C-alpha atoms as a PDB file:
ATOM      1  CA  MET A   1       4.168 -53.274 -18.309  1.00  0.00           C
ATOM      2  CA  LYS A   2       0.676 -53.410 -16.800  1.00  0.00           C
ATOM      3  CA  LYS A   3       1.900 -51.613 -13.680  1.00  0.00           C
ATOM      4  CA  LEU A   4       3.450 -48.870 -15.778  1.00  0.00           C
ATOM      5  CA  LEU A   5       0.249 -48.441 -17.783  1.00  0.00           C
ATOM      6  CA  LEU A   6      -1.849 -48.389 -14.620  1.00  0.00           C
ATOM      7  CA  ALA A   7       0.409 -45.746 -13.066  1.00  0.00           C
ATOM      8  CA  ALA A   8       0.159 -43.602 -16.197  1.00  0.00           C
ATOM      9  CA  VAL A   9      -3.641 -43.834 -16.211  1.00  0.00           C
ATOM     10  CA  ILE A  10      -3.899 -42.966 -12.529  1.00  0.00           C
ATOM     11  CA  SER A  11      -1.586 -39.969 -12.860  1.00  0.00           C
ATOM     12  CA  ALA A  12      -3.498 -38.744 -15.925  1.00  0.00           C
ATOM     13  CA  MET A  13      -6.764 -38.970 -14.004  1.00  0.00           C
ATOM     14  CA  THR A  14      -5.486 -37.100 -10.957  1.00  0.00           C
ATOM     15  CA  LEU A  15      -3.660 -34.357 -12.864  1.00  0.00           C
ATOM     16  CA  PRO A  16      -6.828 -32.402 -13.802  1.00  0.00           C
ATOM     17  CA  ALA A  17      -7.971 -32.484 -10.181  1.00  0.00           C
ATOM     18  CA  PHE A  18      -4.823 -30.659  -9.117  1.00  0.00           C
ATOM     19  CA  ALA A  19      -5.246 -28.081 -11.854  1.00  0.00           C
ATOM     20  CA  GLN A  20      -8.782 -27.276 -10.735  1.00  0.00           C
ATOM     21  CA  THR A  21      -7.719 -26.398  -7.214  1.00  0.00           C
ATOM     22  CA  ALA A  22      -4.606 -24.431  -8.139  1.00  0.00           C
ATOM     23  CA  THR A  23      -4.650 -20.780  -7.054  1.00  0.00           C
ATOM     24  CA  PRO A  24      -1.247 -19.441  -8.162  1.00  0.00           C
ATOM     25  CA  ARG A  25      -2.286 -15.766  -8.271  1.00  0.00           C
ATOM     26  CA  LEU A  26      -3.717 -15.923  -4.774  1.00  0.00           C
ATOM     27  CA  ASP A  27      -0.660 -17.773  -3.478  1.00  0.00           C
ATOM     28  CA  ALA A  28       1.602 -15.080  -4.936  1.00  0.00           C
ATOM     29  CA  ARG A  29      -0.535 -12.341  -3.359  1.00  0.00           C
ATOM     30  CA  GLU A  30      -0.415 -14.059   0.027  1.00  0.00           C
ATOM     31  CA  ALA A  31       3.375 -14.292  -0.153  1.00  0.00           C
ATOM     32  CA  HIS A  32       3.653 -10.625  -1.148  1.00  0.00           C
ATOM     33  CA  GLN A  33       1.328  -9.519   1.643  1.00  0.00           C
ATOM     34  CA  GLN A  34       3.312 -11.542   4.181  1.00  0.00           C
ATOM     35  CA  GLU A  35       6.458  -9.775   2.983  1.00  0.00           C
ATOM     36  CA  ARG A  36       4.735  -6.384   3.342  1.00  0.00           C
ATOM     37  CA  ILE A  37       3.798  -7.258   6.929  1.00  0.00           C
ATOM     38  CA  ALA A  38       7.352  -8.409   7.678  1.00  0.00           C
ATOM     39  CA  GLN A  39       8.746  -5.190   6.205  1.00  0.00           C
ATOM     40  CA  GLY A  40       6.356  -3.175   8.378  1.00  0.00           C
ATOM     41  CA  ILE A  41       7.590  -5.001  11.459  1.00  0.00           C
ATOM     42  CA  ARG A  42      11.248  -4.422  10.534  1.00  0.00           C
ATOM     43  CA  SER A  43      10.716  -0.719   9.883  1.00  0.00           C
ATOM     44  CA  GLY A  44       8.601  -0.192  13.013  1.00  0.00           C
ATOM     45  CA  GLU A  45       5.565   0.959  10.988  1.00  0.00           C
ATOM     46  CA  LEU A  46       3.454  -1.810  12.537  1.00  0.00           C
ATOM     47  CA  THR A  47       2.816  -2.201  16.244  1.00  0.00           C
ATOM     48  CA  ALA A  48       2.532  -5.628  17.862  1.00  0.00           C
ATOM     49  CA  LYS A  49      -1.255  -5.325  18.012  1.00  0.00           C
ATOM     50  CA  GLU A  50      -1.522  -4.309  14.362  1.00  0.00           C
ATOM     51  CA  THR A  51       0.716  -7.214  13.391  1.00  0.00           C
ATOM     52  CA  ARG A  52      -1.488  -9.684  15.280  1.00  0.00           C
ATOM     53  CA  GLN A  53      -4.588  -8.294  13.575  1.00  0.00           C
ATOM     54  CA  LEU A  54      -3.038  -8.532  10.120  1.00  0.00           C
ATOM     55  CA  GLU A  55      -1.722 -12.044  10.733  1.00  0.00           C
ATOM     56  CA  LYS A  56      -5.179 -13.089  11.867  1.00  0.00           C
ATOM     57  CA  ARG A  57      -6.656 -11.752   8.605  1.00  0.00           C
ATOM     58  CA  GLU A  58      -4.036 -13.635   6.585  1.00  0.00           C
ATOM     59  CA  ALA A  59      -4.772 -16.849   8.494  1.00  0.00           C
ATOM     60  CA  LYS A  60      -8.485 -16.438   7.732  1.00  0.00           C
ATOM     61  CA  LEU A  61      -7.696 -16.015   4.037  1.00  0.00           C
ATOM     62  CA  GLN A  62      -5.630 -19.215   4.084  1.00  0.00           C
ATOM     63  CA  HIS A  63      -8.451 -21.035   5.873  1.00  0.00           C
ATOM     64  CA  ASP A  64     -11.028 -19.787   3.373  1.00  0.00           C
ATOM     65  CA  GLU A  65      -8.770 -20.915   0.530  1.00  0.00           C
ATOM     66  CA  ALA A  66      -8.489 -24.385   2.079  1.00  0.00           C
ATOM     67  CA  VAL A  67     -12.279 -24.559   2.427  1.00  0.00           C
ATOM     68  CA  ALA A  68     -12.694 -23.574  -1.234  1.00  0.00           C
ATOM     69  CA  LYS A  69     -10.238 -26.298  -2.268  1.00  0.00           C
ATOM     70  CA  SER A  70     -11.758 -28.951  -0.003  1.00  0.00           C
ATOM     71  CA  ASP A  71     -14.287 -30.222  -2.556  1.00  0.00           C
ATOM     72  CA  GLY A  72     -11.644 -30.531  -5.276  1.00  0.00           C
ATOM     73  CA  VAL A  73     -12.754 -27.551  -7.379  1.00  0.00           C
ATOM     74  CA  VAL A  74     -12.282 -23.832  -6.839  1.00  0.00           C
ATOM     75  CA  THR A  75     -15.153 -22.220  -8.715  1.00  0.00           C
ATOM     76  CA  LYS A  76     -15.061 -18.818 -10.374  1.00  0.00           C
ATOM     77  CA  GLN A  77     -17.244 -17.417  -7.585  1.00  0.00           C
ATOM     78  CA  GLU A  78     -14.927 -18.815  -4.905  1.00  0.00           C
ATOM     79  CA  ARG A  79     -11.892 -17.357  -6.685  1.00  0.00           C
ATOM     80  CA  ARG A  80     -13.621 -13.974  -6.883  1.00  0.00           C
ATOM     81  CA  ALA A  81     -14.501 -14.076  -3.181  1.00  0.00           C
ATOM     82  CA  LEU A  82     -10.931 -15.015  -2.256  1.00  0.00           C
ATOM     83  CA  GLN A  83      -9.535 -12.195  -4.388  1.00  0.00           C
ATOM     84  CA  ARG A  84     -11.929  -9.708  -2.749  1.00  0.00           C
ATOM     85  CA  GLU A  85     -10.822 -10.906   0.669  1.00  0.00           C
ATOM     86  CA  ALA A  86      -7.173 -10.500  -0.380  1.00  0.00           C
ATOM     87  CA  ASP A  87      -8.009  -6.982  -1.632  1.00  0.00           C
ATOM     88  CA  ARG A  88      -9.480  -6.073   1.764  1.00  0.00           C
ATOM     89  CA  ASP A  89      -6.446  -7.518   3.536  1.00  0.00           C
ATOM     90  CA  SER A  90      -4.120  -5.534   1.280  1.00  0.00           C
ATOM     91  CA  ARG A  91      -5.942  -2.299   2.064  1.00  0.00           C
ATOM     92  CA  ALA A  92      -5.780  -3.107   5.784  1.00  0.00           C
ATOM     93  CA  ILE A  93      -2.022  -3.592   5.544  1.00  0.00           C
ATOM     94  CA  ALA A  94      -1.621  -0.254   3.784  1.00  0.00           C
ATOM     95  CA  ARG A  95      -3.826   1.558   6.316  1.00  0.00           C
ATOM     96  CA  LYS A  96      -2.004   0.110   9.316  1.00  0.00           C
ATOM     97  CA  LYS A  97       1.452   0.749   7.859  1.00  0.00           C
ATOM     98  CA  HIS A  98       0.665   4.383   7.079  1.00  0.00           C
ATOM     99  CA  ASN A  99      -1.177   5.443  10.205  1.00  0.00           C
ATOM    100  CA  ASP A 100       0.599   7.465  12.889  1.00  0.00           C
ATOM    101  CA  ARG A 101       1.238   4.535  15.216  1.00  0.00           C
ATOM    102  CA  VAL A 102       4.812   3.268  15.348  1.00  0.00           C
ATOM    103  CA  GLN A 103       6.560   0.660  17.394  1.00  0.00           C
END
């Protein structure tokens, strides 16, 4: 019984920590942007160089998200900065997909 109680207390203590670092909106945006890049590759709208550049931007966003989560709390300012970075990446995807370069 003591082990069960101890496990319940530990899980209750760690649960808020996970909630503070959750970024579901950003994760959904990242997945959508990856799909947009993949669609651009399939359709030939993105060249190999453009794809590398966009993938590099997405990797930086993932790294910045990991850095924000590293202390256990993603603050409002960090969330805002990550969303702005995702906005810039989204615009870059749109620009590169709709320029005149094709594969």
